[in-house]
Structure formats: C-alpha cells, structure tokens
Amino acid sequence: MTEWLDPLLLSRWQFGLTTIYHFLFVPLTIGLALTVAIFQTAWVRTDKAKYLQLTHFFGKILLINFAMGVVTGIVQEFQFGMNWSDYSRFVGDVFGAPLAFEGIVAFFLEATFIGLWIFGWDKLPRRLHLATIWLVAIGSTASAYFIIAANAFMQNPVGFQINEARGRAELTSIGELLSNPIALAAFPHTIAACFMVSAGLIISVAAWHLSRNQHLETMRPALKFGLWMMVISGVLTTLMGDQLSLAMVDAQPMKMAAAEALYTTATGANASFSIFTLGTPDGVHELFSVRVPYLLSFLSTHTFDGTVEGINNLQAQYTQLYGPGDYTPIIWVTYWSFRWMIGLGLAHMLVAVAGLWFTRGGRVPRRWMWRVAIWSFPFSLLAMSVGWVFTEMGRQPWLVFGLLKTQDGVSPNVSGLEILISLIAFTAIYGALAVVEFGLILRAIRKGPDDVAAPDPVSGEITPRTTVY
C-alpha cells in the first residue's frame, strides 16, 4: 500500500494520464485548423458548394476538439505548481518563458480569431473572414512551437545559468532558448505528424460515407485530399524525424542507445537496426533478431561507418560525470515505443498509398477496403502518442537532462493520498468529458455535411449559412 501512495509515482501517473488525454486533441486541432483553412480558401477561389460544405463540416469537428483541448491543457499546466513545485521553483524562470509566449501570443491569437471565424460568417467580407481561419491555423502552429521549445529545454537545457545563491536556473537568452536545436528539429517533425492525424480523420470519415453512398459530391474530393495529405505529410514526418534523431544523438546519446537496446558501443555493420528482437533485458543473451546492417549507424551519424555509443559505456560516463546512480531508462519501453511509432506511421502511409491506387480513375474499392480505411484512423494518433512516450521515457531518470532528476522535482509537501484522490477525481471527470466529446464528434460525422443555399441566380455566388456552430 505504501508503494502505491508514493507521491513521485502518483504524480508521474497523474501528469502522464493528463498529458495523454490532452494530447488526443492537440494534433487534431493543429491539423484540422489548416485543413479547414484550405477548404475555405478553395471555396473563396472557386465558389463551389462542396468546399463550403467541407469547411462547415470539418469546422464543426475542429470547434468541438478545440474546446476540449483548452480545458485539458489548462489543468495540465496547473500540475506544474501542484505536483511538481520543486521543478517549477528550480527552472520556472526558464521554462515559464516559452509557456508565457504560448499563452499571451499564440493562444490569444488562436482564441481571438476562432471567435471571429465562428461569428463572422455574415458580418465580415469573405476574404477578411478567410483570413481569420488562417490566423487560427498560424496561432495553433505557433502555440505548438512554444510548447515544444519548453519541452526541448528539458531535453537539452540551453540559454540559462545556475544561480548558486538561489539554487535555481535563470534565463540568460530567450533567443538561445527558442532556437534550441532540439526544438528546431522536433517542431517540423511534430507538425507534419499532426497533419497525418488530420489526414487520417478525413480518410476515415470520407470512407465511412462513401461506403454507404452518402454525400458523394463532398466526400470524394475529401477522400482524395486526405489520401494525398497523408502521403505528403508522412514523407515530411519521416524526413524531419531523421533530422530529429541526429539532434537527439548529439544531446542525449543514451536515448538512441536505449531505443535500440544497444548495450555495447558499435561501429558500421555492427551498429545494425533491429526490426524485432527477443532476448534478456540486460542484452547479454539475444535469442532471436531481425536486423538491418549499418542502419543504426546511418540514423545516428548519417554515415555507414559511424560509431554509436552503447548503454554500458554511457552509464559509466554518466556515473563519472554526475555521480553514482542508474542513468538507464526502461529499455523495453524505449525499444518498443520507438518501433511502434515508426510502424504505425508507415502503416497509415501504406493505407493512403493503397487508397490512391484503388481509387484511381474513379474506381470504387471493395467493401473490405473501405473498412480498412475507416478503422485506420487511430494509426497516426497512436504513433504520435507512443512517440511522446519514447521522448519522455527515454530522458529518464532526468526531468531536465543533466540538471534535475525526476525524483527531485516532485512537490515535497503533497501527500500520496492527496494526489491519489485528485488522480481519481480527474480521471472520472475526464472520462465523463471524453464520452460527451467523442459522442458529439461521432454525431457530427454521422450527420455529414449540411446542405448549402442555392447559388444566387445573378451572381452565381453561394451564401454561407450564418447559424453559429
């Protein structure tokens, strides 16, 4: 019982569960904001009813998702002060800067203009109204950058100095903090992955309606858009992920070693990438493995004869540098989360490529193909989720790499029972909200796009409906 009331364990569970729930909405908000902006732009340029219908349809899903993301995000930030006060005290001067930018600049921009977009359909000129949704898309993307910059400081602390008298880190360069190499590499990788999630939703929704011969005029172009968006964003995610791996190896070589469960430093052909491995947790006995020679070396150094440091070697280095302790993350978590991230992302890209092939020239796929498209939606979202698990768990035992261990960042005056009660309460409330939120989204999806007014007989223009979402 005492173990389950450990404040550190419960604080980590609470923050992890809140983050997972909040993250269900973040990539969809970012991806859908751009998607809706593109559809509305197509309507403004062509005046075709189908693009206006798609704008309203996916705009409704965006708004439902946006509202829930705001609620869960606020609670998540409160936890820095409630459960991680020692962390906030130690790095709050640095970590708080990008969060302040996110709240004051990016979120303010996003929230303000989404309101103008909702209520401005019949009040703003068409192109000015179009600008509001593009500003929402820019705001949501900028918001993501500031959050990633804050997280990048935890991965690769820069732009600070330690005030020995106050016993905390203090910001010295906001420019250095915001141009952190980890942030610059992680941002395009993350945003491209968000577009994959949005594309996955579009594919699944369009496939669901097309399999029932519903809303053909809108769902056919939506399906094509989603398929191409998935392929393009998938390629970009892969390319940007390669750049992120180089930055990760430079800042946290232990994370790459843990991702491969590489215990001994290897070079060239010996630095192979295992697709699948069975063996003992200590890496001494390998029972079975499927490997690609040289690939780990290439991923880590962009050369086929590069050296990749092993877990045992790095553990010895860190012990000498930081003192006695275990500096190895949980290997099975990092190993499998890294592979699930790659595998699920590639699987979704494969679905999209197959979709483009089977729908070429107006062909109609078989029913089982529609089912694959419909049920493939979680692939990219799960890939992003396990990717963040890898990012955060691969950094352990550090909360801020090289500066603050996770065990030293938890609030000292909060009891395990208090955290357990709040954890149960948050889980229950979030569970209820999840049922409501997913119910609203499913209802909107099943209803499909609304009809629009007939074109004006003189101008030929279509007047959008003015009802509030």
Protein backbone atom coordinates (compact mmCIF):
# COMPACT_ATOMS: atom_id res chain seq x y z
CA MET A 1 0.00 0.00 0.00
CA THR A 2 2.88 2.34 0.87
CA GLU A 3 4.34 1.90 -2.62
CA TRP A 4 1.05 2.90 -4.25
CA LEU A 5 0.92 6.06 -2.10
CA ASP A 6 4.37 7.15 -3.23
CA PRO A 7 3.96 10.85 -4.21
CA LEU A 8 6.53 10.56 -7.02
CA LEU A 9 4.86 7.53 -8.58
CA LEU A 10 1.36 9.03 -8.33
CA SER A 11 2.50 12.44 -9.59
CA ARG A 12 4.05 10.81 -12.64
CA TRP A 13 0.89 8.79 -13.28
CA GLN A 14 -1.33 11.85 -12.92
CA PHE A 15 0.78 14.00 -15.21
CA GLY A 16 1.12 11.18 -17.72
CA LEU A 17 -2.61 10.43 -17.86
CA THR A 18 -3.49 14.12 -18.15
CA THR A 19 -0.95 14.54 -20.93
CA ILE A 20 -2.25 11.53 -22.83
CA TYR A 21 -5.84 12.76 -22.61
CA HIS A 22 -4.88 16.32 -23.57
CA PHE A 23 -2.78 15.05 -26.46
CA LEU A 24 -5.80 13.35 -28.03
CA PHE A 25 -6.97 16.82 -29.09
CA VAL A 26 -3.75 18.71 -29.86
CA PRO A 27 -2.73 17.13 -33.20
CA LEU A 28 -6.31 17.23 -34.49
CA THR A 29 -6.65 20.92 -33.62
CA ILE A 30 -3.40 21.79 -35.41
CA GLY A 31 -4.13 19.63 -38.45
CA LEU A 32 -7.82 20.48 -38.77
CA ALA A 33 -7.18 24.23 -38.49
CA LEU A 34 -5.04 24.07 -41.62
CA THR A 35 -7.46 21.68 -43.31
CA VAL A 36 -10.45 23.97 -42.74
CA ALA A 37 -8.41 26.96 -43.92
CA ILE A 38 -7.53 25.13 -47.14
CA PHE A 39 -11.16 24.10 -47.80
CA GLN A 40 -12.41 27.63 -47.16
CA THR A 41 -9.72 29.04 -49.43
CA ALA A 42 -10.85 26.64 -52.17
CA TRP A 43 -14.43 27.86 -51.70
CA VAL A 44 -13.44 31.55 -51.85
CA ARG A 45 -11.42 30.96 -55.01
CA THR A 46 -13.86 28.67 -56.85
CA ASP A 47 -17.24 29.39 -55.21
CA LYS A 48 -18.03 25.66 -55.37
CA ALA A 49 -20.60 24.46 -52.86
CA LYS A 50 -18.70 21.29 -51.97
CA TYR A 51 -15.80 23.25 -50.49
CA LEU A 52 -18.14 25.37 -48.39
CA GLN A 53 -19.84 22.22 -47.11
CA LEU A 54 -16.48 20.68 -46.21
CA THR A 55 -15.45 23.91 -44.47
CA HIS A 56 -18.54 23.84 -42.24
CA PHE A 57 -18.35 20.09 -41.68
CA PHE A 58 -14.73 19.84 -40.57
CA GLY A 59 -15.01 23.25 -38.90
CA LYS A 60 -17.62 21.80 -36.56
CA ILE A 61 -15.29 18.93 -35.59
CA LEU A 62 -12.45 21.44 -35.12
CA LEU A 63 -14.51 23.52 -32.68
CA ILE A 64 -15.56 20.52 -30.59
CA ASN A 65 -11.97 19.38 -30.45
CA PHE A 66 -10.64 22.86 -29.70
CA ALA A 67 -12.93 23.35 -26.71
CA MET A 68 -11.87 20.10 -25.07
CA GLY A 69 -8.20 20.77 -25.76
CA VAL A 70 -8.37 24.10 -23.92
CA VAL A 71 -9.93 22.55 -20.82
CA THR A 72 -7.42 19.72 -20.54
CA GLY A 73 -4.44 21.94 -21.35
CA ILE A 74 -5.21 24.36 -18.51
CA VAL A 75 -5.37 21.52 -15.99
CA GLN A 76 -2.08 20.13 -17.26
CA GLU A 77 -0.25 23.41 -16.67
CA PHE A 78 -1.68 23.70 -13.14
CA GLN A 79 0.08 20.46 -12.27
CA PHE A 80 3.49 22.09 -12.56
CA GLY A 81 2.65 24.06 -9.45
CA MET A 82 0.61 21.41 -7.67
CA ASN A 83 2.62 18.21 -8.14
CA TRP A 84 5.98 19.48 -9.38
CA SER A 85 6.69 22.56 -7.28
CA ASP A 86 10.40 21.79 -6.83
CA TYR A 87 10.71 21.53 -10.62
CA SER A 88 8.83 24.82 -11.07
CA ARG A 89 10.98 26.53 -8.45
CA PHE A 90 14.22 25.29 -9.99
CA VAL A 91 13.55 26.00 -13.69
CA GLY A 92 10.40 28.15 -13.61
CA ASP A 93 12.32 31.26 -14.67
CA VAL A 94 13.41 29.46 -17.85
CA PHE A 95 10.60 27.00 -18.52
CA GLY A 96 7.94 29.64 -17.87
CA ALA A 97 9.14 31.96 -20.65
CA PRO A 98 8.01 29.88 -23.65
CA LEU A 99 4.81 28.96 -21.80
CA ALA A 100 4.11 32.68 -21.32
CA PHE A 101 4.69 33.27 -25.04
CA GLU A 102 2.33 30.39 -25.80
CA GLY A 103 -0.43 31.79 -23.60
CA ILE A 104 -0.10 35.50 -24.33
CA VAL A 105 0.84 35.44 -28.01
CA ALA A 106 -0.12 32.16 -29.67
CA PHE A 107 -3.18 31.09 -27.69
CA PHE A 108 -4.54 34.66 -27.59
CA LEU A 109 -4.21 34.83 -31.37
CA GLU A 110 -5.83 31.43 -31.80
CA ALA A 111 -8.72 32.02 -29.38
CA THR A 112 -9.49 35.55 -30.60
CA PHE A 113 -9.67 34.72 -34.27
CA ILE A 114 -11.56 31.47 -33.84
CA GLY A 115 -14.28 33.57 -32.24
CA LEU A 116 -14.26 35.96 -35.20
CA TRP A 117 -14.42 32.99 -37.55
CA ILE A 118 -17.41 31.46 -35.75
CA PHE A 119 -19.50 34.63 -35.60
CA GLY A 120 -18.19 36.47 -38.64
CA TRP A 121 -19.73 34.49 -41.49
CA ASP A 122 -22.38 37.10 -42.31
CA LYS A 123 -20.58 40.10 -40.79
CA LEU A 124 -17.10 40.13 -42.33
CA PRO A 125 -16.13 40.40 -46.02
CA ARG A 126 -15.43 36.98 -47.46
CA ARG A 127 -11.66 37.35 -47.77
CA LEU A 128 -11.31 39.01 -44.38
CA HIS A 129 -13.28 36.16 -42.84
CA LEU A 130 -10.99 33.70 -44.62
CA ALA A 131 -8.01 35.45 -43.02
CA THR A 132 -9.40 34.70 -39.55
CA ILE A 133 -9.22 30.92 -40.01
CA TRP A 134 -5.69 31.20 -41.41
CA LEU A 135 -4.73 33.18 -38.30
CA VAL A 136 -6.24 30.40 -36.20
CA ALA A 137 -4.06 27.90 -38.05
CA ILE A 138 -0.99 30.11 -37.58
CA GLY A 139 -1.81 30.58 -33.89
CA SER A 140 -2.24 26.86 -33.22
CA THR A 141 1.04 26.10 -35.00
CA ALA A 142 2.88 28.85 -33.11
CA SER A 143 1.39 27.55 -29.88
CA ALA A 144 2.88 24.15 -30.64
CA TYR A 145 6.32 25.69 -31.22
CA PHE A 146 6.43 27.40 -27.83
CA ILE A 147 5.34 24.20 -26.07
CA ILE A 148 7.98 22.22 -27.98
CA ALA A 149 10.60 24.85 -27.07
CA ALA A 150 9.69 24.43 -23.39
CA ASN A 151 9.97 20.66 -23.70
CA ALA A 152 13.23 20.98 -25.64
CA PHE A 153 14.77 22.73 -22.65
CA MET A 154 14.06 19.58 -20.64
CA GLN A 155 15.79 17.51 -23.33
CA ASN A 156 18.70 19.87 -23.99
CA PRO A 157 18.93 22.76 -21.48
CA VAL A 158 20.31 25.95 -23.08
CA GLY A 159 20.01 29.70 -22.57
CA PHE A 160 20.37 29.67 -18.78
CA GLN A 161 22.77 29.91 -15.89
CA ILE A 162 22.62 28.44 -12.39
CA ASN A 163 22.20 30.98 -9.60
CA GLU A 164 24.04 29.23 -6.78
CA ALA A 165 22.74 31.65 -4.14
CA ARG A 166 19.09 30.98 -5.03
CA GLY A 167 19.65 27.39 -6.06
CA ARG A 168 17.81 27.65 -9.37
CA ALA A 169 18.27 28.07 -13.11
CA GLU A 170 17.75 31.56 -14.53
CA LEU A 171 17.11 32.60 -18.12
CA THR A 172 20.01 34.37 -19.84
CA SER A 173 19.00 34.22 -23.53
CA ILE A 174 15.44 33.86 -24.81
CA GLY A 175 16.83 33.63 -28.33
CA GLU A 176 19.02 30.68 -27.45
CA LEU A 177 16.12 29.03 -25.63
CA LEU A 178 13.74 29.40 -28.59
CA SER A 179 16.39 28.32 -31.12
CA ASN A 180 17.27 25.15 -29.21
CA PRO A 181 18.46 22.56 -31.79
CA ILE A 182 16.04 20.02 -30.33
CA ALA A 183 13.12 22.43 -30.77
CA LEU A 184 14.14 23.31 -34.33
CA ALA A 185 14.28 19.60 -35.22
CA ALA A 186 11.22 18.45 -33.24
CA PHE A 187 8.85 21.19 -34.44
CA PRO A 188 8.60 20.31 -38.17
CA HIS A 189 8.53 16.60 -37.29
CA THR A 190 5.64 17.15 -34.85
CA ILE A 191 3.64 19.46 -37.12
CA ALA A 192 3.93 17.08 -40.08
CA ALA A 193 2.74 14.27 -37.81
CA CYS A 194 -0.25 16.43 -36.77
CA PHE A 195 -1.20 16.71 -40.44
CA MET A 196 -1.02 12.91 -40.66
CA VAL A 197 -3.54 12.66 -37.81
CA SER A 198 -5.85 15.17 -39.51
CA ALA A 199 -5.50 13.34 -42.83
CA GLY A 200 -6.33 10.07 -41.08
CA LEU A 201 -9.57 11.53 -39.77
CA ILE A 202 -10.53 12.85 -43.21
CA ILE A 203 -9.80 9.48 -44.83
CA SER A 204 -11.84 7.55 -42.27
CA VAL A 205 -14.81 9.95 -42.36
CA ALA A 206 -14.89 10.09 -46.15
CA ALA A 207 -14.57 6.31 -46.42
CA TRP A 208 -17.43 5.81 -43.95
CA HIS A 209 -19.80 7.96 -46.03
CA LEU A 210 -18.63 6.69 -49.40
CA SER A 211 -19.07 3.07 -48.33
CA ARG A 212 -22.73 3.98 -47.72
CA ASN A 213 -23.06 6.02 -50.96
CA GLN A 214 -23.70 9.20 -48.94
CA HIS A 215 -22.61 12.79 -49.72
CA LEU A 216 -20.68 11.65 -52.78
CA GLU A 217 -20.08 15.17 -54.13
CA THR A 218 -18.25 16.25 -50.99
CA MET A 219 -16.70 13.05 -49.73
CA ARG A 220 -14.97 12.05 -52.97
CA PRO A 221 -12.78 15.18 -53.07
CA ALA A 222 -12.34 14.94 -49.29
CA LEU A 223 -11.02 11.39 -49.63
CA LYS A 224 -8.54 12.38 -52.34
CA PHE A 225 -7.41 15.33 -50.27
CA GLY A 226 -6.95 13.16 -47.19
CA LEU A 227 -5.02 10.47 -49.07
CA TRP A 228 -2.59 12.93 -50.63
CA MET A 229 -2.25 14.83 -47.38
CA MET A 230 -1.36 11.58 -45.61
CA VAL A 231 1.31 10.64 -48.16
CA ILE A 232 2.91 14.10 -48.30
CA SER A 233 2.84 14.70 -44.54
CA GLY A 234 4.06 11.13 -43.95
CA VAL A 235 7.11 11.69 -46.15
CA LEU A 236 7.80 15.00 -44.39
CA THR A 237 7.40 13.37 -40.97
CA THR A 238 9.95 10.73 -41.93
CA LEU A 239 12.48 13.24 -43.26
CA MET A 240 12.08 15.54 -40.26
CA GLY A 241 12.29 12.55 -37.91
CA ASP A 242 15.68 11.75 -39.39
CA GLN A 243 16.90 15.24 -38.51
CA LEU A 244 15.46 14.91 -35.02
CA SER A 245 17.32 11.65 -34.48
CA LEU A 246 20.62 13.40 -35.29
CA ALA A 247 19.85 16.16 -32.78
CA MET A 248 18.78 13.57 -30.22
CA VAL A 249 22.02 11.58 -30.57
CA ASP A 250 24.01 14.78 -30.10
CA ALA A 251 22.08 15.88 -26.97
CA GLN A 252 21.07 12.53 -25.44
CA PRO A 253 23.06 9.59 -26.82
CA MET A 254 21.60 7.35 -24.10
CA LYS A 255 18.15 7.74 -25.66
CA MET A 256 19.28 6.37 -29.02
CA ALA A 257 21.18 3.53 -27.34
CA ALA A 258 18.04 2.68 -25.35
CA ALA A 259 15.89 2.87 -28.49
CA GLU A 260 18.00 0.09 -29.99
CA ALA A 261 18.76 -1.68 -26.68
CA LEU A 262 22.41 -1.33 -27.71
CA TYR A 263 24.50 -2.19 -24.65
CA THR A 264 27.95 -2.16 -26.22
CA THR A 265 29.34 0.60 -28.42
CA ALA A 266 29.16 -0.45 -32.08
CA THR A 267 30.53 0.78 -35.39
CA GLY A 268 29.49 0.26 -39.00
CA ALA A 269 27.94 -3.13 -39.76
CA ASN A 270 27.77 -3.94 -36.06
CA ALA A 271 25.64 -0.83 -35.50
CA SER A 272 22.62 -2.52 -37.04
CA PHE A 273 18.97 -1.64 -36.52
CA SER A 274 16.82 -4.45 -35.18
CA ILE A 275 13.33 -4.65 -36.62
CA PHE A 276 12.41 -7.23 -33.98
CA THR A 277 14.42 -8.73 -31.13
CA LEU A 278 13.82 -11.28 -28.38
CA GLY A 279 16.37 -11.55 -25.60
CA THR A 280 17.21 -10.96 -21.96
CA PRO A 281 16.61 -7.44 -20.54
CA ASP A 282 20.32 -6.91 -19.91
CA GLY A 283 21.16 -7.51 -23.56
CA VAL A 284 23.57 -10.32 -22.75
CA HIS A 285 21.62 -13.10 -24.44
CA GLU A 286 19.88 -12.47 -27.75
CA LEU A 287 17.50 -15.28 -28.65
CA PHE A 288 16.22 -14.03 -31.98
CA SER A 289 16.61 -10.86 -34.02
CA VAL A 290 15.83 -9.43 -37.45
CA ARG A 291 18.41 -6.76 -38.23
CA VAL A 292 19.35 -4.28 -40.95
CA PRO A 293 23.16 -3.85 -41.04
CA TYR A 294 24.59 -0.31 -40.90
CA LEU A 295 21.13 1.29 -40.45
CA LEU A 296 21.57 2.37 -36.82
CA SER A 297 24.93 3.86 -37.71
CA PHE A 298 23.34 5.80 -40.57
CA LEU A 299 20.41 7.00 -38.47
CA SER A 300 22.75 8.19 -35.72
CA THR A 301 25.57 9.73 -37.76
CA HIS A 302 24.47 9.81 -41.43
CA THR A 303 27.48 7.65 -42.24
CA PHE A 304 27.66 3.89 -42.67
CA ASP A 305 30.81 3.57 -40.59
CA GLY A 306 29.80 5.88 -37.71
CA THR A 307 30.11 4.87 -34.07
CA VAL A 308 27.04 4.55 -31.84
CA GLU A 309 27.72 4.59 -28.11
CA GLY A 310 26.26 1.77 -26.06
CA ILE A 311 24.27 1.81 -22.82
CA ASN A 312 27.05 0.35 -20.68
CA ASN A 313 29.62 2.82 -21.95
CA LEU A 314 27.29 5.78 -21.43
CA GLN A 315 26.30 4.56 -17.96
CA ALA A 316 29.97 4.59 -16.99
CA GLN A 317 30.43 8.09 -18.43
CA TYR A 318 27.36 9.47 -16.64
CA THR A 319 28.38 7.90 -13.34
CA GLN A 320 31.72 9.63 -13.60
CA LEU A 321 30.10 12.93 -14.63
CA TYR A 322 27.01 13.06 -12.41
CA GLY A 323 27.87 10.71 -9.57
CA PRO A 324 26.59 7.24 -8.57
CA GLY A 325 23.19 6.21 -9.89
CA ASP A 326 21.33 4.38 -12.64
CA TYR A 327 21.12 6.58 -15.74
CA THR A 328 19.50 3.97 -17.97
CA PRO A 329 15.83 4.43 -18.97
CA ILE A 330 13.41 1.49 -19.03
CA ILE A 331 14.78 -0.31 -22.07
CA TRP A 332 11.70 -2.28 -23.13
CA VAL A 333 9.60 0.92 -23.10
CA THR A 334 12.02 2.92 -25.24
CA TYR A 335 12.77 -0.01 -27.56
CA TRP A 336 9.15 -0.86 -28.37
CA SER A 337 7.72 2.67 -28.32
CA PHE A 338 10.32 3.66 -30.93
CA ARG A 339 9.26 0.78 -33.17
CA TRP A 340 5.54 1.25 -32.67
CA MET A 341 5.94 4.92 -33.57
CA ILE A 342 7.65 4.04 -36.85
CA GLY A 343 5.46 1.03 -37.63
CA LEU A 344 2.10 2.72 -37.07
CA GLY A 345 3.13 5.78 -39.07
CA LEU A 346 4.32 3.67 -42.00
CA ALA A 347 1.14 1.56 -41.83
CA HIS A 348 -1.01 4.67 -42.21
CA MET A 349 1.06 5.86 -45.15
CA LEU A 350 0.63 2.43 -46.74
CA VAL A 351 -3.15 2.70 -46.32
CA ALA A 352 -3.06 6.07 -48.09
CA VAL A 353 -0.89 4.82 -50.96
CA ALA A 354 -3.20 1.82 -51.41
CA GLY A 355 -6.20 4.17 -51.30
CA LEU A 356 -4.79 6.31 -54.11
CA TRP A 357 -4.19 3.18 -56.19
CA PHE A 358 -7.59 1.59 -55.66
CA THR A 359 -9.50 4.84 -56.28
CA ARG A 360 -7.54 5.90 -59.37
CA GLY A 361 -9.61 6.85 -62.36
CA GLY A 362 -12.83 6.92 -60.33
CA ARG A 363 -12.63 3.24 -59.35
CA VAL A 364 -14.72 2.08 -56.39
CA PRO A 365 -12.84 -0.09 -53.85
CA ARG A 366 -14.32 -3.25 -52.38
CA ARG A 367 -16.12 -3.16 -49.05
CA TRP A 368 -13.21 -4.59 -47.05
CA MET A 369 -11.00 -1.79 -48.35
CA TRP A 370 -13.45 0.78 -47.01
CA ARG A 371 -13.29 -0.94 -43.63
CA VAL A 372 -9.51 -0.76 -43.59
CA ALA A 373 -9.68 2.97 -44.38
CA ILE A 374 -12.31 3.60 -41.69
CA TRP A 375 -10.54 1.71 -38.90
CA SER A 376 -7.08 3.03 -39.75
CA PHE A 377 -7.75 6.42 -38.16
CA PRO A 378 -6.02 5.67 -34.82
CA PHE A 379 -2.73 4.68 -36.50
CA SER A 380 -1.16 8.15 -36.74
CA LEU A 381 -2.59 9.30 -33.41
CA LEU A 382 -1.19 6.24 -31.67
CA ALA A 383 2.13 6.72 -33.48
CA MET A 384 2.37 10.28 -32.12
CA SER A 385 1.35 9.14 -28.63
CA VAL A 386 3.97 6.40 -28.37
CA GLY A 387 6.45 8.83 -29.92
CA TRP A 388 5.95 11.15 -26.96
CA VAL A 389 6.23 8.20 -24.60
CA PHE A 390 9.61 7.47 -26.19
CA THR A 391 10.66 11.12 -25.97
CA GLU A 392 9.80 11.47 -22.30
CA MET A 393 10.67 7.99 -21.02
CA GLY A 394 13.92 7.94 -22.96
CA ARG A 395 15.06 11.01 -20.99
CA GLN A 396 14.69 9.29 -17.62
CA PRO A 397 15.89 9.44 -14.90
CA TRP A 398 16.19 13.14 -15.77
CA LEU A 399 13.42 15.70 -15.57
CA VAL A 400 15.80 18.26 -17.05
CA PHE A 401 18.66 16.41 -18.66
CA GLY A 402 21.88 16.76 -16.70
CA LEU A 403 20.37 19.28 -14.25
CA LEU A 404 17.42 17.86 -12.32
CA LYS A 405 16.36 14.27 -11.74
CA THR A 406 12.68 13.34 -11.80
CA GLN A 407 12.75 12.28 -8.16
CA ASP A 408 14.00 15.76 -7.18
CA GLY A 409 11.27 17.72 -8.98
CA VAL A 410 8.15 16.45 -7.19
CA SER A 411 6.31 18.61 -4.63
CA PRO A 412 7.64 17.80 -1.14
CA ASN A 413 4.57 18.79 0.87
CA VAL A 414 1.88 16.95 -1.08
CA SER A 415 0.94 13.55 0.29
CA GLY A 416 0.39 10.46 -1.77
CA LEU A 417 -3.22 10.24 -0.58
CA GLU A 418 -3.96 13.79 -1.75
CA ILE A 419 -2.52 13.02 -5.17
CA LEU A 420 -4.43 9.74 -5.36
CA ILE A 421 -7.74 11.48 -4.58
CA SER A 422 -7.12 14.16 -7.22
CA LEU A 423 -5.99 11.49 -9.69
CA ILE A 424 -9.23 9.56 -9.23
CA ALA A 425 -11.28 12.77 -9.49
CA PHE A 426 -9.51 13.94 -12.66
CA THR A 427 -9.82 10.51 -14.24
CA ALA A 428 -13.56 10.38 -13.52
CA ILE A 429 -14.19 13.90 -14.81
CA TYR A 430 -12.07 13.37 -17.91
CA GLY A 431 -13.79 10.05 -18.54
CA ALA A 432 -17.19 11.75 -18.50
CA LEU A 433 -15.96 14.57 -20.73
CA ALA A 434 -14.46 12.04 -23.14
CA VAL A 435 -17.82 10.30 -23.54
CA VAL A 436 -19.53 13.63 -24.25
CA GLU A 437 -16.80 14.89 -26.58
CA PHE A 438 -16.47 11.74 -28.66
CA GLY A 439 -20.25 11.48 -28.78
CA LEU A 440 -20.51 14.98 -30.24
CA ILE A 441 -17.81 14.28 -32.82
CA LEU A 442 -19.37 10.95 -33.86
CA ARG A 443 -22.77 12.63 -34.14
CA ALA A 444 -21.32 15.33 -36.40
CA ILE A 445 -19.51 12.74 -38.51
CA ARG A 446 -22.58 10.55 -38.97
CA LYS A 447 -24.74 13.52 -39.89
CA GLY A 448 -22.31 14.56 -42.60
CA PRO A 449 -22.07 17.92 -44.37
CA ASP A 450 -25.09 20.20 -44.25
CA ASP A 451 -26.75 21.46 -47.40
CA VAL A 452 -25.91 24.98 -48.52
CA ALA A 453 -28.08 27.62 -50.10
CA ALA A 454 -28.60 27.56 -53.84
CA PRO A 455 -26.36 29.83 -55.94
CA ASP A 456 -27.57 33.38 -56.50
CA PRO A 457 -29.25 33.44 -59.96
CA VAL A 458 -27.48 36.68 -60.90
CA SER A 459 -24.01 36.48 -59.40
CA GLY A 460 -23.76 32.70 -59.13
CA GLU A 461 -22.29 33.07 -55.65
CA ILE A 462 -23.28 30.83 -52.76
CA THR A 463 -24.21 32.49 -49.48
CA PRO A 464 -22.90 30.53 -46.50
CA ARG A 465 -25.29 29.66 -43.72
CA THR A 466 -24.97 32.04 -40.80
CA THR A 467 -26.02 29.83 -37.92
CA VAL A 468 -23.50 29.57 -35.11
CA TYR A 469 -21.85 26.14 -34.74
